[in-house]
Protein backbone atom coordinates (compact mmCIF):
# COMPACT_ATOMS: atom_id res chain seq x y z
CA MET A 1 -35.80 -16.22 27.04
CA THR A 2 -35.04 -12.68 28.86
CA ALA A 3 -32.60 -11.44 25.76
CA LYS A 4 -34.20 -9.43 23.27
CA PRO A 5 -33.27 -10.15 19.53
CA SER A 6 -31.15 -8.18 17.49
CA PRO A 7 -32.25 -4.67 16.21
CA THR A 8 -34.00 -4.96 12.85
CA PRO A 9 -33.33 -4.52 10.19
CA TRP A 10 -31.14 -7.29 9.55
CA MET A 11 -29.02 -7.71 6.67
CA PHE A 12 -26.98 -11.08 5.33
CA GLU A 13 -24.21 -10.79 2.77
CA SER A 14 -22.59 -14.23 1.15
CA GLN A 15 -18.82 -14.83 1.03
CA ARG A 16 -17.09 -17.78 -0.52
CA GLY A 17 -13.52 -18.56 1.38
CA PRO A 18 -10.49 -19.10 -0.08
CA TYR A 19 -9.96 -22.50 1.46
CA THR A 20 -13.30 -24.04 0.68
CA PRO A 21 -16.07 -23.86 -2.22
CA ASP A 22 -18.73 -23.51 0.20
CA THR A 23 -20.39 -20.09 0.31
CA VAL A 24 -21.02 -18.58 4.19
CA TYR A 25 -23.91 -16.25 4.74
CA ILE A 26 -23.39 -13.39 7.55
CA LEU A 27 -26.22 -12.20 8.87
CA ARG A 28 -25.80 -8.59 10.68
CA ASP A 29 -28.37 -6.51 12.61
CA SER A 30 -29.08 -2.76 11.96
CA SER A 31 -25.50 -1.89 13.44
CA GLY A 32 -23.77 -4.29 11.13
CA ASN A 33 -23.00 -6.57 14.14
CA ARG A 34 -22.38 -10.14 12.83
CA ILE A 35 -25.70 -12.16 14.22
CA ALA A 36 -25.00 -15.77 12.77
CA PHE A 37 -22.70 -17.75 9.99
CA ILE A 38 -24.69 -20.06 7.89
CA MET A 39 -22.85 -22.63 5.61
CA GLY A 40 -24.35 -23.10 2.41
CA THR A 41 -24.79 -26.01 1.05
CA ARG A 42 -22.09 -28.03 -0.95
CA SER A 43 -24.48 -28.77 -4.42
CA LEU A 44 -23.80 -26.36 -7.13
CA GLN A 45 -27.85 -26.91 -8.16
CA ALA A 46 -28.60 -26.13 -4.46
CA GLU A 47 -26.86 -22.63 -4.18
CA GLU A 48 -29.56 -20.58 -5.83
CA TYR A 49 -31.73 -21.97 -3.00
CA ASP A 50 -28.90 -20.98 -0.46
CA ASP A 51 -29.24 -17.35 -1.30
CA ALA A 52 -32.91 -17.32 -1.36
CA ASN A 53 -33.25 -19.07 1.87
CA ALA A 54 -30.87 -16.37 3.57
CA ALA A 55 -33.02 -13.39 2.04
CA HIS A 56 -36.07 -15.18 3.21
CA ILE A 57 -34.33 -15.49 6.70
CA VAL A 58 -33.70 -11.80 6.58
CA ALA A 59 -37.14 -10.45 5.29
CA CYS A 60 -39.21 -13.05 7.87
CA VAL A 61 -37.38 -11.12 10.82
CA ASN A 62 -37.56 -7.49 9.33
CA ALA A 63 -41.35 -8.09 8.58
CA HIS A 64 -42.12 -9.73 11.94
CA GLN A 65 -42.87 -6.76 14.11
CA GLN A 66 -45.09 -5.04 11.64
CA LEU A 67 -47.25 -8.04 11.26
CA VAL A 68 -47.42 -8.42 14.87
CA ASN A 69 -48.62 -4.95 15.32
CA ALA A 70 -50.75 -5.47 12.42
CA LEU A 71 -53.03 -8.31 13.56
CA GLU A 72 -52.89 -6.93 17.34
CA GLN A 73 -54.73 -3.94 15.87
CA ALA A 74 -56.89 -6.12 13.46
CA ASN A 75 -58.14 -8.09 16.46
CA LEU A 76 -59.08 -4.81 18.21
CA VAL A 77 -61.48 -3.58 15.61
CA ILE A 78 -62.91 -7.28 14.50
CA GLU A 79 -66.00 -8.20 15.79
CA LYS A 80 -67.35 -10.82 13.53
CA PRO A 81 -66.56 -13.43 12.24
CA THR A 82 -65.52 -15.11 15.45
CA TRP A 83 -63.34 -17.64 13.16
CA LEU A 84 -61.16 -14.63 11.81
CA ARG A 85 -60.49 -13.72 15.21
CA LYS A 86 -59.28 -17.04 16.30
CA ARG A 87 -56.87 -17.34 13.06
CA ILE A 88 -55.38 -13.70 14.50
CA GLU A 89 -55.07 -15.15 17.91
CA ALA A 90 -53.49 -18.16 16.94
CA ALA A 91 -51.35 -16.49 14.55
CA LEU A 92 -50.14 -13.82 17.50
CA GLU A 93 -49.53 -16.76 19.87
CA ALA A 94 -47.12 -18.86 17.35
CA ALA A 95 -45.85 -15.31 16.27
CA LYS A 96 -44.69 -14.41 19.99
CA GLU A 97 -43.46 -17.89 21.15
CA GLY A 98 -39.96 -17.14 22.09
CA GLU A 99 -39.82 -13.73 22.42
CA ALA A 100 -38.61 -11.54 25.21
CA GLN A 101 -41.09 -10.79 28.04
């Protein structure tokens, strides 16, 4: 992957189309540019999860870099226990998978 992700903070809005009962979630970057459209479920019972899921995606993206920075700093100062350093290193590796190099 060579392209960098859209700038944060991301946000989302939900819209219901005039010709469909489905809710569409529009993800936008910090400049208001559209990043993605996500179709909601057709189930009225699951609609509350659709809102929560869209909000969760945005919250994870917005927190990602701060969490990576905090883990990198913690890893520099933690000498022991080594099990904690290994967990931090594994989390950093997982968080950085797919990032632009």
